[in-house]
Amino acid sequence: MSSKVLIIISFLSSVCILSQNHKKTNKIDSLQTVEDIQKFIEEKNIDYTITVSDKLQYSDQCKSTGDSLNFRPWIKEDFDQNGLTDLLLTGNTKDGPKTICILDMGNEFNTKKITRGSLYEPCAFVTTKEGKIEYKSEKILSRNGYFSNLQTDYLMYKFGEFIEENRNPKRHNILEIEFDASPCYGKCASFTLKILSNRDVEWLAKRDNHVNFHDYSGAYKAKISQEQYKELTEILNYIDFENLDENYSVGHTDSATGTLKVTYDNLKTKNISDYGMMGTRGLQKLYKILFDLRGSAEWKK
């Protein structure tokens, strides 16, 4: 090979490496002040309920902790690792400070809610650490208003959501997934799904299963794609389902219960009962996929 060709190859390789390491600038990079950010979220129709401020207005029960932690109202980092700067923003709302993450997806901005609501977590404080979201919160443990101590979770953007980080996911052989959603006081879809390792799915639609402009009732069967089944098993393994609590509950009333049963490895089983279906962020993502299956599979009665 001639020296001229080697020089050209070396030059192209250098350009490729530089382009991979070069971080693209975007609109979020230019935001510097409260006014800049407020105008940005209004122009992009991102979240009109948030008022950006240099000072967060915590309630009396959260104020001392919030002041001691000295959190910044906004932080700019690339949370989804796509080379574009994202914005982690905590602003004031009528229900106290609320945090969202605005992700620059390249052709659009995608907003993810980080705080989970005052009925569940009356006090929440959000910052970053080593590229991850550091989420500190106090949870309501019962309907009598008992609070937990301040807990810390590290959140990673994975499977299209921010969920609890797992540095060493295990790889279990998932044999069967069974999920039951109970009725609630009001209109909550009530159904049972059973998903086998051969990707066959059984759906028993009980109450309020209005999907894609059609009301479903009774028993149905379908076969999901390899990609759909792989997503379910990857999420289960990543959230370490085997070591999750067996019971979760929100402190408020009138919610539905999600009951999950996973059969895995040598016919071991894991059962999780989740009143309010907010046990963990990873479980919430799993529930969403299971609910969405009702509208994406090709069902036969």
Protein backbone atom coordinates (compact mmCIF):
# COMPACT_ATOMS: atom_id res chain seq x y z
CA MET A 1 0.00 0.00 0.00
CA SER A 2 1.45 3.38 -0.99
CA SER A 3 2.37 6.01 1.58
CA LYS A 4 -0.15 8.39 -0.03
CA VAL A 5 -3.01 5.95 0.57
CA LEU A 6 -1.88 5.40 4.16
CA ILE A 7 -1.88 9.17 4.76
CA ILE A 8 -5.43 9.47 3.38
CA ILE A 9 -6.67 6.57 5.54
CA SER A 10 -5.01 8.07 8.62
CA PHE A 11 -6.60 11.46 7.90
CA LEU A 12 -10.09 9.99 7.44
CA SER A 13 -9.74 7.96 10.65
CA SER A 14 -8.75 11.09 12.58
CA VAL A 15 -11.72 13.01 11.19
CA CYS A 16 -14.06 10.15 12.16
CA ILE A 17 -12.73 10.01 15.74
CA LEU A 18 -12.96 13.77 16.14
CA SER A 19 -16.52 13.81 14.83
CA GLN A 20 -17.52 11.05 17.27
CA ASN A 21 -16.01 12.88 20.23
CA HIS A 22 -17.33 16.28 19.19
CA LYS A 23 -20.44 17.26 21.06
CA LYS A 24 -23.01 19.07 18.93
CA THR A 25 -24.30 22.39 20.18
CA ASN A 26 -28.04 22.96 20.40
CA LYS A 27 -30.68 25.39 21.65
CA ILE A 28 -30.36 24.26 25.28
CA ASP A 29 -26.65 25.12 25.28
CA SER A 30 -27.55 28.79 24.69
CA LEU A 31 -29.91 29.04 27.70
CA GLN A 32 -28.20 31.06 30.43
CA THR A 33 -30.84 32.83 32.55
CA VAL A 34 -34.23 32.27 34.17
CA GLU A 35 -35.78 34.39 31.43
CA ASP A 36 -34.10 32.33 28.70
CA ILE A 37 -35.44 29.08 30.11
CA GLN A 38 -38.96 30.38 30.76
CA LYS A 39 -39.19 31.66 27.19
CA PHE A 40 -37.82 28.37 25.86
CA ILE A 41 -40.39 26.17 27.65
CA GLU A 42 -43.22 28.46 26.55
CA GLU A 43 -42.08 28.58 22.93
CA LYS A 44 -41.66 24.81 22.77
CA ASN A 45 -45.00 24.14 24.50
CA ILE A 46 -43.16 22.01 27.02
CA ASP A 47 -44.89 22.56 30.35
CA TYR A 48 -46.90 25.66 31.16
CA THR A 49 -47.47 24.62 34.78
CA ILE A 50 -43.84 25.31 35.72
CA THR A 51 -42.55 28.74 36.62
CA VAL A 52 -38.77 28.97 36.45
CA SER A 53 -37.12 30.75 39.34
CA ASP A 54 -33.74 31.05 41.05
CA LYS A 55 -35.51 30.24 44.33
CA LEU A 56 -37.60 27.11 44.83
CA GLN A 57 -40.71 27.46 46.98
CA TYR A 58 -40.75 24.37 49.18
CA SER A 59 -43.58 23.69 51.62
CA ASP A 60 -42.86 24.04 55.34
CA GLN A 61 -42.28 20.28 55.75
CA CYS A 62 -39.73 20.23 52.88
CA LYS A 63 -38.12 23.67 53.21
CA SER A 64 -35.38 22.94 55.73
CA THR A 65 -34.19 19.85 53.83
CA GLY A 66 -34.38 21.63 50.49
CA ASP A 67 -32.43 24.64 51.75
CA SER A 68 -29.74 22.44 53.32
CA LEU A 69 -29.23 20.49 50.10
CA ASN A 70 -28.82 23.70 48.12
CA PHE A 71 -30.04 22.25 44.82
CA ARG A 72 -29.74 24.16 41.57
CA PRO A 73 -33.02 24.86 39.72
CA TRP A 74 -31.58 23.71 36.38
CA ILE A 75 -28.74 21.54 35.15
CA LYS A 76 -27.61 20.97 31.56
CA GLU A 77 -26.18 17.55 30.64
CA ASP A 78 -26.55 14.89 27.95
CA PHE A 79 -28.70 12.40 29.87
CA ASP A 80 -29.64 10.13 26.96
CA GLN A 81 -26.10 10.04 25.53
CA ASN A 82 -27.08 11.15 22.02
CA GLY A 83 -24.56 14.00 21.83
CA LEU A 84 -27.10 16.77 22.48
CA THR A 85 -27.47 18.74 25.72
CA ASP A 86 -30.62 18.08 27.75
CA LEU A 87 -32.16 20.22 30.49
CA LEU A 88 -33.04 19.00 33.99
CA LEU A 89 -35.38 21.65 35.30
CA THR A 90 -37.02 22.15 38.69
CA GLY A 91 -39.62 24.92 38.76
CA ASN A 92 -42.39 26.13 41.02
CA THR A 93 -45.97 24.92 40.63
CA LYS A 94 -49.13 25.28 42.68
CA ASP A 95 -48.23 21.93 44.30
CA GLY A 96 -44.66 22.90 45.12
CA PRO A 97 -41.44 22.34 43.15
CA LYS A 98 -41.70 19.91 40.27
CA THR A 99 -38.88 18.49 38.12
CA ILE A 100 -38.93 17.62 34.44
CA CYS A 101 -36.15 16.61 32.05
CA ILE A 102 -36.27 18.05 28.54
CA LEU A 103 -34.47 15.71 26.15
CA ASP A 104 -33.24 16.99 22.80
CA MET A 105 -33.91 14.05 20.48
CA GLY A 106 -32.43 15.82 17.46
CA ASN A 107 -35.65 16.52 15.57
CA GLU A 108 -37.85 17.21 18.60
CA PHE A 109 -37.83 17.83 22.36
CA ASN A 110 -39.19 15.07 24.58
CA THR A 111 -40.24 15.91 28.15
CA LYS A 112 -40.04 13.35 30.95
CA LYS A 113 -41.55 13.99 34.38
CA ILE A 114 -39.07 13.16 37.13
CA THR A 115 -40.97 14.03 40.33
CA ARG A 116 -43.85 11.66 41.01
CA GLY A 117 -46.51 13.83 42.67
CA SER A 118 -47.22 15.23 46.13
CA LEU A 119 -49.71 12.43 46.94
CA TYR A 120 -46.85 9.95 46.70
CA GLU A 121 -43.70 11.96 47.46
CA PRO A 122 -44.42 15.23 49.28
CA CYS A 123 -40.71 16.14 49.28
CA ALA A 124 -38.40 15.48 46.34
CA PHE A 125 -35.00 16.99 45.51
CA VAL A 126 -33.26 16.42 42.20
CA THR A 127 -29.69 16.98 41.08
CA THR A 128 -27.03 15.07 39.11
CA LYS A 129 -23.98 13.01 39.95
CA GLU A 130 -21.54 11.53 37.42
CA GLY A 131 -24.01 11.95 34.55
CA LYS A 132 -26.90 10.34 36.45
CA ILE A 133 -29.92 11.94 38.09
CA GLU A 134 -29.62 11.85 41.88
CA TYR A 135 -33.14 11.73 43.24
CA LYS A 136 -33.79 12.25 46.95
CA SER A 137 -37.33 11.94 48.27
CA GLU A 138 -39.57 11.32 51.24
CA LYS A 139 -42.48 8.98 50.51
CA ILE A 140 -45.92 8.67 52.11
CA LEU A 141 -45.94 5.13 53.47
CA SER A 142 -49.57 4.81 54.54
CA ARG A 143 -52.95 6.49 54.42
CA ASN A 144 -52.28 7.76 57.93
CA GLY A 145 -49.59 10.04 56.53
CA TYR A 146 -46.47 8.28 57.80
CA PHE A 147 -43.37 9.45 55.93
CA SER A 148 -40.21 7.56 55.04
CA ASN A 149 -36.76 8.92 55.73
CA LEU A 150 -35.02 10.72 52.90
CA GLN A 151 -34.14 8.08 50.29
CA THR A 152 -31.74 8.36 47.35
CA ASP A 153 -32.13 6.76 43.93
CA TYR A 154 -29.86 7.13 40.92
CA LEU A 155 -31.81 7.30 37.68
CA MET A 156 -30.59 6.33 34.21
CA TYR A 157 -32.30 6.97 30.88
CA LYS A 158 -33.06 3.45 29.68
CA PHE A 159 -35.88 1.83 27.70
CA GLY A 160 -37.13 5.33 26.87
CA GLU A 161 -37.65 6.35 30.52
CA PHE A 162 -35.70 7.36 33.60
CA ILE A 163 -35.55 4.30 35.84
CA GLU A 164 -33.47 3.15 38.79
CA GLU A 165 -29.88 2.34 37.84
CA ASN A 166 -28.72 -1.28 37.99
CA ARG A 167 -24.97 -1.60 37.49
CA ASN A 168 -24.95 -5.41 37.35
CA PRO A 169 -28.15 -6.77 35.76
CA LYS A 170 -28.66 -10.51 36.01
CA ARG A 171 -29.86 -12.65 33.11
CA HIS A 172 -32.67 -14.96 34.20
CA ASN A 173 -34.49 -17.31 31.86
CA ILE A 174 -38.01 -15.88 31.83
CA LEU A 175 -40.55 -18.67 31.29
CA GLU A 176 -43.87 -16.91 31.88
CA ILE A 177 -45.14 -13.44 32.77
CA GLU A 178 -48.59 -13.04 34.27
CA PHE A 179 -50.05 -9.62 35.06
CA ASP A 180 -53.42 -8.71 36.56
CA ALA A 181 -54.82 -5.18 36.77
CA SER A 182 -57.67 -4.82 39.24
CA PRO A 183 -60.66 -2.48 39.01
CA CYS A 184 -60.65 0.78 40.95
CA TYR A 185 -63.15 3.32 42.21
CA GLY A 186 -63.80 4.89 38.82
CA LYS A 187 -62.77 3.72 35.36
CA CYS A 188 -59.61 1.65 35.44
CA ALA A 189 -58.96 -1.07 32.88
CA SER A 190 -59.30 -4.46 34.57
CA PHE A 191 -57.67 -7.39 32.79
CA THR A 192 -55.26 -10.33 32.99
CA LEU A 193 -52.36 -11.00 30.61
CA LYS A 194 -50.38 -14.24 30.43
CA ILE A 195 -47.25 -14.23 28.25
CA LEU A 196 -45.38 -17.46 27.54
CA SER A 197 -41.76 -17.87 26.44
CA ASN A 198 -42.92 -18.96 22.96
CA ARG A 199 -44.47 -15.45 22.72
CA ASP A 200 -48.08 -16.68 22.90
CA VAL A 201 -50.25 -14.25 24.86
CA GLU A 202 -53.64 -14.75 26.52
CA TRP A 203 -55.69 -11.68 27.40
CA LEU A 204 -58.78 -11.78 29.59
CA ALA A 205 -60.47 -8.38 29.25
CA LYS A 206 -62.73 -7.78 32.24
CA ARG A 207 -63.84 -4.14 32.63
CA ASP A 208 -63.19 -0.83 30.86
CA ASN A 209 -60.85 -2.14 28.15
CA HIS A 210 -61.51 0.57 25.57
CA VAL A 211 -58.56 0.29 23.19
CA ASN A 212 -58.13 1.80 19.71
CA PHE A 213 -61.77 2.92 19.60
CA HIS A 214 -63.01 -0.58 20.41
CA ASP A 215 -64.43 -2.06 23.60
CA TYR A 216 -62.94 -5.46 24.42
CA SER A 217 -64.53 -8.02 26.72
CA GLY A 218 -63.78 -11.69 27.17
CA ALA A 219 -60.84 -13.94 26.27
CA TYR A 220 -58.41 -13.30 23.40
CA LYS A 221 -55.19 -14.79 22.09
CA ALA A 222 -52.26 -13.34 20.11
CA LYS A 223 -48.58 -13.85 19.38
CA ILE A 224 -46.24 -10.95 20.04
CA SER A 225 -43.06 -10.25 18.10
CA GLN A 226 -39.60 -11.38 19.09
CA GLU A 227 -38.70 -7.72 19.70
CA GLN A 228 -41.67 -7.19 22.04
CA TYR A 229 -40.84 -10.29 24.08
CA LYS A 230 -37.16 -9.36 24.22
CA GLU A 231 -38.03 -5.89 25.54
CA LEU A 232 -40.13 -7.40 28.33
CA THR A 233 -37.43 -9.84 29.42
CA GLU A 234 -34.66 -7.24 29.21
CA ILE A 235 -36.62 -4.84 31.41
CA LEU A 236 -37.42 -7.56 33.95
CA ASN A 237 -33.75 -8.51 34.17
CA TYR A 238 -32.57 -4.91 34.36
CA ILE A 239 -34.91 -3.95 37.21
CA ASP A 240 -33.78 -7.04 39.18
CA PHE A 241 -37.35 -8.28 39.63
CA GLU A 242 -36.14 -11.20 41.78
CA ASN A 243 -35.04 -8.84 44.56
CA LEU A 244 -37.87 -6.31 44.46
CA ASP A 245 -40.30 -6.10 47.37
CA GLU A 246 -43.33 -8.36 47.24
CA ASN A 247 -45.71 -5.58 48.28
CA TYR A 248 -45.90 -1.91 47.35
CA SER A 249 -48.63 0.59 48.19
CA VAL A 250 -49.37 4.27 47.72
CA GLY A 251 -50.78 6.21 50.66
CA HIS A 252 -53.96 7.41 48.93
CA THR A 253 -57.19 5.54 48.22
CA ASP A 254 -59.27 4.53 45.16
CA SER A 255 -56.34 3.17 43.13
CA ALA A 256 -56.02 -0.05 41.16
CA THR A 257 -53.67 -2.89 42.08
CA GLY A 258 -51.19 -4.44 39.69
CA THR A 259 -50.24 -8.05 40.46
CA LEU A 260 -47.20 -9.44 38.70
CA LYS A 261 -46.10 -13.07 38.67
CA VAL A 262 -42.86 -14.08 36.93
CA THR A 263 -41.91 -17.73 36.43
CA TYR A 264 -38.22 -18.07 35.66
CA ASP A 265 -35.12 -20.31 35.64
CA ASN A 266 -35.97 -23.71 37.16
CA LEU A 267 -39.68 -22.89 37.71
CA LYS A 268 -38.97 -20.34 40.44
CA THR A 269 -41.66 -17.69 40.88
CA LYS A 270 -41.69 -14.06 41.98
CA ASN A 271 -44.95 -12.37 43.00
CA ILE A 272 -45.36 -8.61 43.37
CA SER A 273 -48.54 -6.84 44.49
CA ASP A 274 -48.49 -3.11 43.77
CA TYR A 275 -51.43 -0.99 44.99
CA GLY A 276 -51.32 2.20 42.94
CA MET A 277 -48.77 0.69 40.51
CA MET A 278 -45.97 3.06 41.56
CA GLY A 279 -43.69 0.57 43.29
CA THR A 280 -40.57 1.50 41.34
CA ARG A 281 -39.93 3.44 38.14
CA GLY A 282 -38.77 0.25 36.47
CA LEU A 283 -42.03 -1.48 37.37
CA GLN A 284 -44.00 1.50 36.07
CA LYS A 285 -42.24 1.17 32.70
CA LEU A 286 -43.04 -2.55 32.64
CA TYR A 287 -46.71 -1.88 33.45
CA LYS A 288 -46.93 0.64 30.61
CA ILE A 289 -45.64 -1.91 28.11
CA LEU A 290 -48.11 -4.52 29.39
CA PHE A 291 -51.02 -2.07 29.19
CA ASP A 292 -49.93 -1.04 25.67
CA LEU A 293 -49.91 -4.67 24.48
CA ARG A 294 -53.69 -4.52 24.48
CA GLY A 295 -53.48 -2.06 21.60
CA SER A 296 -50.50 -3.40 19.68
CA ALA A 297 -51.10 -7.15 19.46
CA GLU A 298 -53.36 -8.74 16.82
CA TRP A 299 -56.01 -10.37 18.98
CA LYS A 300 -58.27 -13.27 18.06
CA LYS A 301 -61.25 -14.10 20.24
